[in-house]
Protein backbone atom coordinates (compact mmCIF):
# COMPACT_ATOMS: atom_id res chain seq x y z
CA MET A 1 -5.80 -1.85 -14.03
CA LYS A 2 -4.25 -5.39 -12.96
CA PHE A 3 -6.19 -8.05 -12.21
CA GLY A 4 -4.53 -11.37 -9.89
CA VAL A 5 -1.32 -12.16 -8.25
CA ARG A 6 1.12 -8.88 -7.59
CA LYS A 7 5.02 -9.51 -7.76
CA PRO A 8 6.09 -9.27 -4.92
CA SER A 9 8.97 -6.37 -5.39
CA LEU A 10 11.67 -6.65 -1.62
CA ARG A 11 13.38 -3.28 -3.86
CA LYS A 12 10.03 -1.55 -3.56
CA SER A 13 9.18 -2.45 -0.45
CA ILE A 14 12.65 -1.19 1.27
CA ALA A 15 12.15 1.73 -0.38
CA ALA A 16 8.63 2.30 0.86
CA ARG A 17 10.10 2.03 4.03
CA THR A 18 13.17 4.37 4.04
CA SER A 19 11.97 7.37 1.99
CA VAL A 20 13.47 10.71 3.12
CA LYS A 21 9.70 12.24 2.53
CA ARG A 22 8.05 9.08 4.36
CA GLN A 23 10.39 9.76 7.19
CA ILE A 24 9.84 13.35 7.42
CA VAL A 25 6.26 13.26 7.85
CA HIS A 26 6.57 10.26 10.40
CA ARG A 27 9.18 12.46 12.77
CA ALA A 28 7.39 16.08 12.52
CA GLY A 29 3.94 14.53 13.26
CA LEU A 30 1.60 14.70 10.33
CA LYS A 31 0.61 11.44 10.13
CA MET A 32 -3.34 11.52 9.04
CA PRO A 33 -5.54 9.12 10.56
CA ARG A 34 -6.96 5.68 8.85
CA GLY A 35 -9.81 7.07 5.37
CA TYR A 36 -8.65 10.47 5.66
CA GLY A 37 -7.10 9.88 1.96
CA TRP A 38 -9.99 10.01 0.34
CA MET A 39 -9.79 14.30 1.26
CA ARG A 40 -5.91 14.11 0.68
CA SER A 41 -5.67 12.38 -2.72
CA PRO A 42 -9.53 11.20 -3.94
CA LYS A 43 -8.44 9.98 -7.52
CA LYS A 44 -5.58 7.45 -5.88
CA ALA A 45 -7.54 6.32 -2.88
CA ALA A 46 -10.36 5.30 -5.75
CA TYR A 47 -7.76 3.57 -7.88
CA ASN A 48 -5.65 1.75 -4.67
CA LYS A 49 -8.87 0.86 -3.52
CA VAL A 50 -9.96 -1.01 -6.32
CA TYR A 51 -6.36 -2.08 -7.00
CA ASN A 52 -6.10 -3.72 -3.50
CA ARG A 53 -9.54 -5.71 -3.94
CA THR A 54 -9.14 -6.81 -7.70
CA THR A 55 -5.14 -8.12 -7.01
CA PHE A 56 -3.54 -10.39 -4.27
CA SER A 57 -0.65 -10.92 -3.16
CA ILE A 58 1.76 -14.29 -3.14
CA VAL A 59 2.60 -13.94 0.32
CA CYS A 60 -1.53 -13.73 1.61
CA LEU A 61 -1.72 -16.98 -0.66
CA LEU A 62 0.26 -18.87 1.41
CA LYS A 63 -0.67 -17.46 4.44
CA LYS A 64 -4.42 -18.36 3.69
CA LEU A 65 -3.33 -22.19 2.19
CA PHE A 66 -1.27 -22.56 5.21
CA LYS A 67 -3.80 -21.55 7.66
């Protein structure tokens, strides 16, 4: 598990938004409401919850500094 600052990856960010799987699910209207990740894959949801609480991005840090 990572703690501290996340390194932004432009390549991964673009890949996540333009993936074929995401486009198919989005256009088919199969999106689940927020919070349903626990029912879909609880192990991944638990990991993501801990990861998002223990790390922060450089962009969020800059927003807080210049707010």
